[in-house]
Amino acid sequence: MAKAVDPVCKMEVDEQKAASHSEHQGHLYFFCSKSCKTKFDHDPDRYLPRDRTPAA
């Protein structure tokens, strides 16, 4: 059971049971709700760390 952290609300999410997911710059993000996904999709850089290196 893989765990991820929802980048919007910081809730721990089981990747297999996540409400939704999005891909951004080659990285897959998982969300606890469709609302968090919508917020992320609208402005992903707002929710990502500034020092994050994009995936190759």
PDB file of N, CA and C in Angstrom:
ATOM      1  N   MET A   1       0.845  -1.177   0.000  1.00  0.00           N
ATOM      2  CA  MET A   1       0.000   0.000   0.000  1.00  0.00           C
ATOM      3  C   MET A   1       0.890   1.240   0.000  1.00  0.00           C
ATOM      4  N   ALA A   2       0.975   1.911  -1.151  1.00  0.00           N
ATOM      5  CA  ALA A   2       1.804   3.103  -1.294  1.00  0.00           C
ATOM      6  C   ALA A   2       1.056   4.326  -0.781  1.00  0.00           C
ATOM      7  N   LYS A   3       1.771   5.161  -0.077  1.00  0.00           N
ATOM      8  CA  LYS A   3       1.184   6.391   0.461  1.00  0.00           C
ATOM      9  C   LYS A   3       1.757   7.589  -0.265  1.00  0.00           C
ATOM     10  N   ALA A   4       0.948   8.620  -0.389  1.00  0.00           N
ATOM     11  CA  ALA A   4       1.362   9.892  -0.976  1.00  0.00           C
ATOM     12  C   ALA A   4       0.759  10.995  -0.111  1.00  0.00           C
ATOM     13  N   VAL A   5       1.283  12.201  -0.277  1.00  0.00           N
ATOM     14  CA  VAL A   5       0.736  13.348   0.438  1.00  0.00           C
ATOM     15  C   VAL A   5       0.063  14.270  -0.575  1.00  0.00           C
ATOM     16  N   ASP A   6      -1.197  14.558  -0.331  1.00  0.00           N
ATOM     17  CA  ASP A   6      -1.951  15.478  -1.176  1.00  0.00           C
ATOM     18  C   ASP A   6      -1.234  16.835  -1.108  1.00  0.00           C
ATOM     19  N   PRO A   7      -0.765  17.373  -2.249  1.00  0.00           N
ATOM     20  CA  PRO A   7       0.001  18.620  -2.216  1.00  0.00           C
ATOM     21  C   PRO A   7      -0.827  19.847  -1.828  1.00  0.00           C
ATOM     22  N   VAL A   8      -2.140  19.748  -1.892  1.00  0.00           N
ATOM     23  CA  VAL A   8      -2.998  20.894  -1.565  1.00  0.00           C
ATOM     24  C   VAL A   8      -3.282  20.960  -0.066  1.00  0.00           C
ATOM     25  N   CYS A   9      -3.815  19.879   0.502  1.00  0.00           N
ATOM     26  CA  CYS A   9      -4.219  19.902   1.917  1.00  0.00           C
ATOM     27  C   CYS A   9      -3.247  19.174   2.837  1.00  0.00           C
ATOM     28  N   LYS A  10      -2.243  18.525   2.247  1.00  0.00           N
ATOM     29  CA  LYS A  10      -1.194  17.803   2.989  1.00  0.00           C
ATOM     30  C   LYS A  10      -1.685  16.545   3.684  1.00  0.00           C
ATOM     31  N   MET A  11      -2.864  16.061   3.323  1.00  0.00           N
ATOM     32  CA  MET A  11      -3.402  14.829   3.896  1.00  0.00           C
ATOM     33  C   MET A  11      -2.686  13.618   3.293  1.00  0.00           C
ATOM     34  N   GLU A  12      -2.432  12.606   4.100  1.00  0.00           N
ATOM     35  CA  GLU A  12      -1.841  11.369   3.590  1.00  0.00           C
ATOM     36  C   GLU A  12      -2.913  10.585   2.838  1.00  0.00           C
ATOM     37  N   VAL A  13      -2.551  10.117   1.647  1.00  0.00           N
ATOM     38  CA  VAL A  13      -3.509   9.447   0.767  1.00  0.00           C
ATOM     39  C   VAL A  13      -2.934   8.104   0.320  1.00  0.00           C
ATOM     40  N   ASP A  14      -3.752   7.064   0.346  1.00  0.00           N
ATOM     41  CA  ASP A  14      -3.385   5.773  -0.213  1.00  0.00           C
ATOM     42  C   ASP A  14      -3.501   5.905  -1.729  1.00  0.00           C
ATOM     43  N   GLU A  15      -2.414   5.707  -2.463  1.00  0.00           N
ATOM     44  CA  GLU A  15      -2.418   5.891  -3.912  1.00  0.00           C
ATOM     45  C   GLU A  15      -3.478   5.029  -4.605  1.00  0.00           C
ATOM     46  N   GLN A  16      -3.757   3.848  -4.097  1.00  0.00           N
ATOM     47  CA  GLN A  16      -4.739   2.955  -4.705  1.00  0.00           C
ATOM     48  C   GLN A  16      -6.183   3.401  -4.456  1.00  0.00           C
ATOM     49  N   LYS A  17      -6.397   4.198  -3.400  1.00  0.00           N
ATOM     50  CA  LYS A  17      -7.752   4.622  -3.040  1.00  0.00           C
ATOM     51  C   LYS A  17      -7.955   6.128  -3.200  1.00  0.00           C
ATOM     52  N   ALA A  18      -6.987   6.823  -3.771  1.00  0.00           N
ATOM     53  CA  ALA A  18      -7.073   8.278  -3.928  1.00  0.00           C
ATOM     54  C   ALA A  18      -8.311   8.663  -4.740  1.00  0.00           C
ATOM     55  N   ALA A  19      -8.893   9.793  -4.388  1.00  0.00           N
ATOM     56  CA  ALA A  19     -10.081  10.276  -5.110  1.00  0.00           C
ATOM     57  C   ALA A  19      -9.737  10.645  -6.544  1.00  0.00           C
ATOM     58  N   SER A  20      -8.492  11.081  -6.755  1.00  0.00           N
ATOM     59  CA  SER A  20      -8.071  11.488  -8.082  1.00  0.00           C
ATOM     60  C   SER A  20      -6.561  11.654  -8.117  1.00  0.00           C
ATOM     61  N   HIS A  21      -6.028  11.879  -9.315  1.00  0.00           N
ATOM     62  CA  HIS A  21      -4.598  12.151  -9.462  1.00  0.00           C
ATOM     63  C   HIS A  21      -4.367  13.019 -10.691  1.00  0.00           C
ATOM     64  N   SER A  22      -3.203  13.667 -10.723  1.00  0.00           N
ATOM     65  CA  SER A  22      -2.803  14.506 -11.854  1.00  0.00           C
ATOM     66  C   SER A  22      -1.319  14.315 -12.099  1.00  0.00           C
ATOM     67  N   GLU A  23      -0.929  14.507 -13.341  1.00  0.00           N
ATOM     68  CA  GLU A  23       0.488  14.491 -13.683  1.00  0.00           C
ATOM     69  C   GLU A  23       0.918  15.925 -13.974  1.00  0.00           C
ATOM     70  N   HIS A  24       2.071  16.304 -13.426  1.00  0.00           N
ATOM     71  CA  HIS A  24       2.620  17.644 -13.652  1.00  0.00           C
ATOM     72  C   HIS A  24       4.128  17.522 -13.752  1.00  0.00           C
ATOM     73  N   GLN A  25       4.686  17.984 -14.843  1.00  0.00           N
ATOM     74  CA  GLN A  25       6.127  17.946 -15.093  1.00  0.00           C
ATOM     75  C   GLN A  25       6.706  16.548 -14.845  1.00  0.00           C
ATOM     76  N   GLY A  26       5.999  15.534 -15.323  1.00  0.00           N
ATOM     77  CA  GLY A  26       6.484  14.171 -15.230  1.00  0.00           C
ATOM     78  C   GLY A  26       6.332  13.511 -13.875  1.00  0.00           C
ATOM     79  N   HIS A  27       5.654  14.141 -12.955  1.00  0.00           N
ATOM     80  CA  HIS A  27       5.465  13.581 -11.616  1.00  0.00           C
ATOM     81  C   HIS A  27       3.974  13.385 -11.377  1.00  0.00           C
ATOM     82  N   LEU A  28       3.598  12.272 -10.762  1.00  0.00           N
ATOM     83  CA  LEU A  28       2.201  11.960 -10.482  1.00  0.00           C
ATOM     84  C   LEU A  28       1.857  12.395  -9.059  1.00  0.00           C
ATOM     85  N   TYR A  29       0.756  13.137  -8.913  1.00  0.00           N
ATOM     86  CA  TYR A  29       0.288  13.617  -7.618  1.00  0.00           C
ATOM     87  C   TYR A  29      -1.079  13.020  -7.339  1.00  0.00           C
ATOM     88  N   PHE A  30      -1.314  12.656  -6.079  1.00  0.00           N
ATOM     89  CA  PHE A  30      -2.559  12.025  -5.657  1.00  0.00           C
ATOM     90  C   PHE A  30      -3.306  12.954  -4.715  1.00  0.00           C
ATOM     91  N   PHE A  31      -4.661  12.887  -4.769  1.00  0.00           N
ATOM     92  CA  PHE A  31      -5.497  13.814  -4.018  1.00  0.00           C
ATOM     93  C   PHE A  31      -6.550  13.093  -3.196  1.00  0.00           C
ATOM     94  N   CYS A  32      -6.883  13.700  -2.055  1.00  0.00           N
ATOM     95  CA  CYS A  32      -7.905  13.137  -1.168  1.00  0.00           C
ATOM     96  C   CYS A  32      -9.299  13.416  -1.697  1.00  0.00           C
ATOM     97  N   SER A  33      -9.432  14.456  -2.535  1.00  0.00           N
ATOM     98  CA  SER A  33     -10.753  14.830  -3.062  1.00  0.00           C
ATOM     99  C   SER A  33     -10.614  15.466  -4.440  1.00  0.00           C
ATOM    100  N   LYS A  34     -11.710  15.495  -5.162  1.00  0.00           N
ATOM    101  CA  LYS A  34     -11.704  16.149  -6.481  1.00  0.00           C
ATOM    102  C   LYS A  34     -11.504  17.652  -6.335  1.00  0.00           C
ATOM    103  N   SER A  35     -11.915  18.202  -5.205  1.00  0.00           N
ATOM    104  CA  SER A  35     -11.728  19.629  -4.950  1.00  0.00           C
ATOM    105  C   SER A  35     -10.239  19.972  -4.885  1.00  0.00           C
ATOM    106  N   CYS A  36      -9.467  19.151  -4.194  1.00  0.00           N
ATOM    107  CA  CYS A  36      -8.022  19.388  -4.114  1.00  0.00           C
ATOM    108  C   CYS A  36      -7.386  19.253  -5.498  1.00  0.00           C
ATOM    109  N   LYS A  37      -7.825  18.284  -6.274  1.00  0.00           N
ATOM    110  CA  LYS A  37      -7.297  18.116  -7.630  1.00  0.00           C
ATOM    111  C   LYS A  37      -7.590  19.344  -8.480  1.00  0.00           C
ATOM    112  N   THR A  38      -8.807  19.865  -8.390  1.00  0.00           N
ATOM    113  CA  THR A  38      -9.189  21.044  -9.168  1.00  0.00           C
ATOM    114  C   THR A  38      -8.310  22.243  -8.802  1.00  0.00           C
ATOM    115  N   LYS A  39      -8.085  22.451  -7.515  1.00  0.00           N
ATOM    116  CA  LYS A  39      -7.227  23.551  -7.069  1.00  0.00           C
ATOM    117  C   LYS A  39      -5.815  23.380  -7.611  1.00  0.00           C
ATOM    118  N   PHE A  40      -5.291  22.170  -7.512  1.00  0.00           N
ATOM    119  CA  PHE A  40      -3.941  21.894  -8.003  1.00  0.00           C
ATOM    120  C   PHE A  40      -3.852  22.111  -9.508  1.00  0.00           C
ATOM    121  N   ASP A  41      -4.788  21.578 -10.257  1.00  0.00           N
ATOM    122  CA  ASP A  41      -4.773  21.696 -11.717  1.00  0.00           C
ATOM    123  C   ASP A  41      -4.840  23.151 -12.171  1.00  0.00           C
ATOM    124  N   HIS A  42      -5.522  23.988 -11.413  1.00  0.00           N
ATOM    125  CA  HIS A  42      -5.647  25.400 -11.757  1.00  0.00           C
ATOM    126  C   HIS A  42      -4.320  26.145 -11.595  1.00  0.00           C
ATOM    127  N   ASP A  43      -3.517  25.790 -10.573  1.00  0.00           N
ATOM    128  CA  ASP A  43      -2.262  26.490 -10.300  1.00  0.00           C
ATOM    129  C   ASP A  43      -1.287  25.562  -9.567  1.00  0.00           C
ATOM    130  N   PRO A  44      -0.726  24.560 -10.260  1.00  0.00           N
ATOM    131  CA  PRO A  44       0.117  23.564  -9.595  1.00  0.00           C
ATOM    132  C   PRO A  44       1.324  24.148  -8.861  1.00  0.00           C
ATOM    133  N   ASP A  45       1.948  25.167  -9.437  1.00  0.00           N
ATOM    134  CA  ASP A  45       3.152  25.729  -8.818  1.00  0.00           C
ATOM    135  C   ASP A  45       2.884  26.354  -7.450  1.00  0.00           C
ATOM    136  N   ARG A  46       1.656  26.734  -7.195  1.00  0.00           N
ATOM    137  CA  ARG A  46       1.290  27.282  -5.889  1.00  0.00           C
ATOM    138  C   ARG A  46       1.450  26.235  -4.778  1.00  0.00           C
ATOM    139  N   TYR A  47       1.262  24.969  -5.132  1.00  0.00           N
ATOM    140  CA  TYR A  47       1.244  23.900  -4.130  1.00  0.00           C
ATOM    141  C   TYR A  47       2.527  23.074  -4.075  1.00  0.00           C
ATOM    142  N   LEU A  48       3.477  23.367  -4.939  1.00  0.00           N
ATOM    143  CA  LEU A  48       4.725  22.601  -4.964  1.00  0.00           C
ATOM    144  C   LEU A  48       5.849  23.395  -4.307  1.00  0.00           C
ATOM    145  N   PRO A  49       6.786  22.693  -3.666  1.00  0.00           N
ATOM    146  CA  PRO A  49       7.923  23.390  -3.061  1.00  0.00           C
ATOM    147  C   PRO A  49       8.707  24.154  -4.127  1.00  0.00           C
ATOM    148  N   ARG A  50       9.205  25.305  -3.774  1.00  0.00           N
ATOM    149  CA  ARG A  50       9.948  26.148  -4.720  1.00  0.00           C
ATOM    150  C   ARG A  50      11.239  25.510  -5.178  1.00  0.00           C
ATOM    151  N   ASP A  51      11.857  24.685  -4.335  1.00  0.00           N
ATOM    152  CA  ASP A  51      13.157  24.093  -4.661  1.00  0.00           C
ATOM    153  C   ASP A  51      13.031  22.725  -5.333  1.00  0.00           C
ATOM    154  N   ARG A  52      11.811  22.330  -5.682  1.00  0.00           N
ATOM    155  CA  ARG A  52      11.609  21.018  -6.296  1.00  0.00           C
ATOM    156  C   ARG A  52      12.207  21.000  -7.707  1.00  0.00           C
ATOM    157  N   THR A  53      13.026  20.024  -7.990  1.00  0.00           N
ATOM    158  CA  THR A  53      13.619  19.862  -9.306  1.00  0.00           C
ATOM    159  C   THR A  53      12.657  19.077 -10.181  1.00  0.00           C
ATOM    160  N   PRO A  54      12.347  19.587 -11.388  1.00  0.00           N
ATOM    161  CA  PRO A  54      11.430  18.840 -12.267  1.00  0.00           C
ATOM    162  C   PRO A  54      11.980  17.461 -12.610  1.00  0.00           C
ATOM    163  N   ALA A  55      11.087  16.493 -12.771  1.00  0.00           N
ATOM    164  CA  ALA A  55      11.498  15.137 -13.126  1.00  0.00           C
ATOM    165  C   ALA A  55      12.086  15.120 -14.536  1.00  0.00           C
ATOM    166  N   ALA A  56      13.053  14.242 -14.742  1.00  0.00           N
ATOM    167  CA  ALA A  56      13.694  14.131 -16.067  1.00  0.00           C
ATOM    168  C   ALA A  56      12.811  13.381 -17.016  1.00  0.00           C
TER     169      ALA A  56
END
